[in-house]
């Protein structure tokens, strides 16, 4: 599948306009690669999770949390720069769907609310168009 198609599918479920203004959802690290047959998904793009994904043959990686909220220059060796090295060396793109996914009415907040049998939900921090809406039938525990 084309990587652009993968990103389109992700952004249909987690539109970037729903992301919080302080967040860095979206393409984190670009690659020359245009196709992928193996997609890895992780919570955090840590050196350990990226290494494990690459060892399993991942050609594209989707993480929930972004690599960094603010990119930094490579003026020291740390986890951020180790992840960059791994991804760039292997020509593997990294995409993050953080608050863009969190605000989805079928996203993590909603499934957690369902599991906890909450009702009377209220949006605490609308982040973009359509994010002030509530999933049907959920709310605060009383």
C-alpha atoms as a PDB file:
ATOM      1  CA  UNK A   1       0.000   0.000   0.000  1.00  0.00           C
ATOM      2  CA  UNK A   2       1.223   3.521  -0.702  1.00  0.00           C
ATOM      3  CA  UNK A   3       2.312   5.332   2.451  1.00  0.00           C
ATOM      4  CA  UNK A   4       0.201   8.301   1.361  1.00  0.00           C
ATOM      5  CA  UNK A   5      -2.841   5.977   1.402  1.00  0.00           C
ATOM      6  CA  UNK A   6      -1.970   4.777   4.909  1.00  0.00           C
ATOM      7  CA  UNK A   7      -1.751   8.390   6.083  1.00  0.00           C
ATOM      8  CA  UNK A   8      -5.076   9.214   4.408  1.00  0.00           C
ATOM      9  CA  UNK A   9      -6.780   6.338   6.256  1.00  0.00           C
ATOM     10  CA  UNK A  10      -5.239   7.433   9.578  1.00  0.00           C
ATOM     11  CA  UNK A  11      -6.299  11.037   9.013  1.00  0.00           C
ATOM     12  CA  UNK A  12      -9.870   9.979   8.192  1.00  0.00           C
ATOM     13  CA  UNK A  13     -10.063   8.538  11.723  1.00  0.00           C
ATOM     14  CA  UNK A  14      -7.839  11.164  13.345  1.00  0.00           C
ATOM     15  CA  UNK A  15      -8.091  14.431  11.373  1.00  0.00           C
ATOM     16  CA  UNK A  16      -5.211  16.791  12.101  1.00  0.00           C
ATOM     17  CA  UNK A  17      -7.554  19.760  12.548  1.00  0.00           C
ATOM     18  CA  UNK A  18      -8.793  18.046  15.727  1.00  0.00           C
ATOM     19  CA  UNK A  19      -5.329  17.994  17.298  1.00  0.00           C
ATOM     20  CA  UNK A  20      -4.602  20.331  20.198  1.00  0.00           C
ATOM     21  CA  UNK A  21      -2.639  23.441  19.250  1.00  0.00           C
ATOM     22  CA  UNK A  22       0.323  22.334  21.390  1.00  0.00           C
ATOM     23  CA  UNK A  23       0.429  18.833  19.885  1.00  0.00           C
ATOM     24  CA  UNK A  24       2.608  17.501  17.093  1.00  0.00           C
ATOM     25  CA  UNK A  25       0.268  14.920  15.532  1.00  0.00           C
ATOM     26  CA  UNK A  26       1.055  14.081  11.920  1.00  0.00           C
ATOM     27  CA  UNK A  27       4.092  12.986   9.969  1.00  0.00           C
ATOM     28  CA  UNK A  28       7.034  12.948  12.350  1.00  0.00           C
ATOM     29  CA  UNK A  29       9.806  11.615  10.130  1.00  0.00           C
ATOM     30  CA  UNK A  30       9.607  11.472   6.343  1.00  0.00           C
ATOM     31  CA  UNK A  31      11.189   8.772   4.204  1.00  0.00           C
ATOM     32  CA  UNK A  32      12.010   8.238   0.543  1.00  0.00           C
ATOM     33  CA  UNK A  33      10.061   4.975   0.717  1.00  0.00           C
ATOM     34  CA  UNK A  34       6.648   5.260  -0.962  1.00  0.00           C
ATOM     35  CA  UNK A  35       5.142   1.822  -0.277  1.00  0.00           C
ATOM     36  CA  UNK A  36       4.776  -0.346   2.801  1.00  0.00           C
ATOM     37  CA  UNK A  37       3.525  -3.885   3.299  1.00  0.00           C
ATOM     38  CA  UNK A  38       4.236  -3.955   7.055  1.00  0.00           C
ATOM     39  CA  UNK A  39       2.920  -1.307   9.439  1.00  0.00           C
ATOM     40  CA  UNK A  40       3.914  -1.312  13.101  1.00  0.00           C
ATOM     41  CA  UNK A  41       1.862   0.449  15.772  1.00  0.00           C
ATOM     42  CA  UNK A  42       3.244   1.585  19.130  1.00  0.00           C
ATOM     43  CA  UNK A  43       2.299   3.848  22.007  1.00  0.00           C
ATOM     44  CA  UNK A  44       5.614   5.723  22.231  1.00  0.00           C
ATOM     45  CA  UNK A  45       8.312   5.996  19.562  1.00  0.00           C
ATOM     46  CA  UNK A  46      11.079   5.002  21.960  1.00  0.00           C
ATOM     47  CA  UNK A  47      14.346   3.505  20.734  1.00  0.00           C
ATOM     48  CA  UNK A  48      13.178   0.115  22.068  1.00  0.00           C
ATOM     49  CA  UNK A  49       9.798   0.174  20.283  1.00  0.00           C
ATOM     50  CA  UNK A  50      11.299   1.459  17.017  1.00  0.00           C
ATOM     51  CA  UNK A  51      14.042  -1.189  17.153  1.00  0.00           C
ATOM     52  CA  UNK A  52      11.460  -3.929  17.792  1.00  0.00           C
ATOM     53  CA  UNK A  53       9.297  -2.677  14.901  1.00  0.00           C
ATOM     54  CA  UNK A  54      12.264  -2.609  12.533  1.00  0.00           C
ATOM     55  CA  UNK A  55      13.343  -6.099  13.622  1.00  0.00           C
ATOM     56  CA  UNK A  56       9.840  -7.305  12.685  1.00  0.00           C
ATOM     57  CA  UNK A  57      10.248  -5.755   9.231  1.00  0.00           C
ATOM     58  CA  UNK A  58       8.131  -2.629   9.667  1.00  0.00           C
ATOM     59  CA  UNK A  59       8.221  -0.332   6.650  1.00  0.00           C
ATOM     60  CA  UNK A  60       6.030   2.353   8.247  1.00  0.00           C
ATOM     61  CA  UNK A  61       5.414   3.088  11.931  1.00  0.00           C
ATOM     62  CA  UNK A  62       2.353   4.650  13.557  1.00  0.00           C
ATOM     63  CA  UNK A  63       2.742   5.822  17.140  1.00  0.00           C
ATOM     64  CA  UNK A  64       0.154   7.340  19.414  1.00  0.00           C
ATOM     65  CA  UNK A  65       2.534   9.809  21.039  1.00  0.00           C
ATOM     66  CA  UNK A  66       4.701  12.088  18.917  1.00  0.00           C
ATOM     67  CA  UNK A  67       8.460  11.754  18.813  1.00  0.00           C
ATOM     68  CA  UNK A  68       8.747  15.245  20.294  1.00  0.00           C
ATOM     69  CA  UNK A  69       6.439  18.179  20.791  1.00  0.00           C
ATOM     70  CA  UNK A  70       9.226  20.455  19.539  1.00  0.00           C
ATOM     71  CA  UNK A  71      11.947  19.079  17.242  1.00  0.00           C
ATOM     72  CA  UNK A  72      15.479  19.846  18.355  1.00  0.00           C
ATOM     73  CA  UNK A  73      18.846  20.132  16.703  1.00  0.00           C
ATOM     74  CA  UNK A  74      21.181  17.124  17.007  1.00  0.00           C
ATOM     75  CA  UNK A  75      23.430  18.818  19.551  1.00  0.00           C
ATOM     76  CA  UNK A  76      23.489  15.801  21.886  1.00  0.00           C
ATOM     77  CA  UNK A  77      22.872  12.064  21.722  1.00  0.00           C
ATOM     78  CA  UNK A  78      19.563  11.130  23.359  1.00  0.00           C
ATOM     79  CA  UNK A  79      16.457   9.003  22.695  1.00  0.00           C
ATOM     80  CA  UNK A  80      15.048  11.554  20.223  1.00  0.00           C
ATOM     81  CA  UNK A  81      18.161  11.446  18.065  1.00  0.00           C
ATOM     82  CA  UNK A  82      18.531   7.662  18.391  1.00  0.00           C
ATOM     83  CA  UNK A  83      14.985   7.227  17.033  1.00  0.00           C
ATOM     84  CA  UNK A  84      15.772   9.630  14.189  1.00  0.00           C
ATOM     85  CA  UNK A  85      18.920   7.638  13.385  1.00  0.00           C
ATOM     86  CA  UNK A  86      17.025   4.340  13.331  1.00  0.00           C
ATOM     87  CA  UNK A  87      14.231   5.657  11.124  1.00  0.00           C
ATOM     88  CA  UNK A  88      16.428   7.567   8.687  1.00  0.00           C
ATOM     89  CA  UNK A  89      18.959   4.733   8.366  1.00  0.00           C
ATOM     90  CA  UNK A  90      16.164   2.269   7.552  1.00  0.00           C
ATOM     91  CA  UNK A  91      14.150   4.725   5.391  1.00  0.00           C
ATOM     92  CA  UNK A  92      11.021   4.165   7.496  1.00  0.00           C
ATOM     93  CA  UNK A  93       8.485   6.961   8.042  1.00  0.00           C
ATOM     94  CA  UNK A  94       6.962   7.678  11.444  1.00  0.00           C
ATOM     95  CA  UNK A  95       3.460   9.090  11.857  1.00  0.00           C
ATOM     96  CA  UNK A  96       1.840  10.075  15.180  1.00  0.00           C
ATOM     97  CA  UNK A  97      -1.892  10.313  15.860  1.00  0.00           C
ATOM     98  CA  UNK A  98      -1.973  11.786  19.355  1.00  0.00           C
ATOM     99  CA  UNK A  99      -4.640  14.299  20.303  1.00  0.00           C
ATOM    100  CA  UNK A 100      -6.003  14.019  16.749  1.00  0.00           C
ATOM    101  CA  UNK A 101      -7.015  10.449  17.685  1.00  0.00           C
ATOM    102  CA  UNK A 102      -7.890  11.240  21.294  1.00  0.00           C
ATOM    103  CA  UNK A 103     -10.726  13.560  20.205  1.00  0.00           C
ATOM    104  CA  UNK A 104     -12.278  10.973  17.866  1.00  0.00           C
ATOM    105  CA  UNK A 105     -15.717   9.976  19.167  1.00  0.00           C
ATOM    106  CA  UNK A 106     -14.682   6.339  18.662  1.00  0.00           C
ATOM    107  CA  UNK A 107     -11.166   6.917  20.001  1.00  0.00           C
ATOM    108  CA  UNK A 108      -9.453   5.966  23.262  1.00  0.00           C
ATOM    109  CA  UNK A 109     -11.494   8.285  25.474  1.00  0.00           C
ATOM    110  CA  UNK A 110     -14.781   6.876  24.191  1.00  0.00           C
ATOM    111  CA  UNK A 111     -13.848   3.222  24.483  1.00  0.00           C
ATOM    112  CA  UNK A 112     -12.561   3.861  28.004  1.00  0.00           C
ATOM    113  CA  UNK A 113     -15.829   5.645  28.872  1.00  0.00           C
ATOM    114  CA  UNK A 114     -17.770   2.641  27.518  1.00  0.00           C
ATOM    115  CA  UNK A 115     -15.674   0.190  29.550  1.00  0.00           C
ATOM    116  CA  UNK A 116     -16.216   2.274  32.696  1.00  0.00           C
ATOM    117  CA  UNK A 117     -19.968   2.629  31.945  1.00  0.00           C
ATOM    118  CA  UNK A 118     -19.809   6.425  32.234  1.00  0.00           C
ATOM    119  CA  UNK A 119     -22.673   8.742  31.343  1.00  0.00           C
ATOM    120  CA  UNK A 120     -23.227  12.522  31.122  1.00  0.00           C
ATOM    121  CA  UNK A 121     -19.962  13.128  29.212  1.00  0.00           C
ATOM    122  CA  UNK A 122     -18.695  16.670  28.738  1.00  0.00           C
ATOM    123  CA  UNK A 123     -15.902  17.914  26.492  1.00  0.00           C
ATOM    124  CA  UNK A 124     -13.328  19.603  28.710  1.00  0.00           C
ATOM    125  CA  UNK A 125     -11.116  21.075  26.002  1.00  0.00           C
ATOM    126  CA  UNK A 126     -12.510  21.378  22.461  1.00  0.00           C
ATOM    127  CA  UNK A 127      -9.530  21.386  20.094  1.00  0.00           C
ATOM    128  CA  UNK A 128     -10.957  21.866  16.632  1.00  0.00           C
ATOM    129  CA  UNK A 129     -14.015  21.684  14.392  1.00  0.00           C
ATOM    130  CA  UNK A 130     -16.412  18.973  15.531  1.00  0.00           C
ATOM    131  CA  UNK A 131     -14.466  18.111  18.694  1.00  0.00           C
ATOM    132  CA  UNK A 132     -17.004  19.716  21.000  1.00  0.00           C
ATOM    133  CA  UNK A 133     -19.459  16.942  20.179  1.00  0.00           C
ATOM    134  CA  UNK A 134     -19.970  14.045  22.541  1.00  0.00           C
ATOM    135  CA  UNK A 135     -20.167  10.355  21.674  1.00  0.00           C
ATOM    136  CA  UNK A 136     -23.778   9.205  21.954  1.00  0.00           C
ATOM    137  CA  UNK A 137     -24.746   7.846  25.370  1.00  0.00           C
ATOM    138  CA  UNK A 138     -21.594   8.567  27.385  1.00  0.00           C
ATOM    139  CA  UNK A 139     -20.675  10.998  30.138  1.00  0.00           C
ATOM    140  CA  UNK A 140     -19.254  11.538  33.582  1.00  0.00           C
ATOM    141  CA  UNK A 141     -19.613   8.967  36.316  1.00  0.00           C
ATOM    142  CA  UNK A 142     -21.982  10.196  38.987  1.00  0.00           C
END
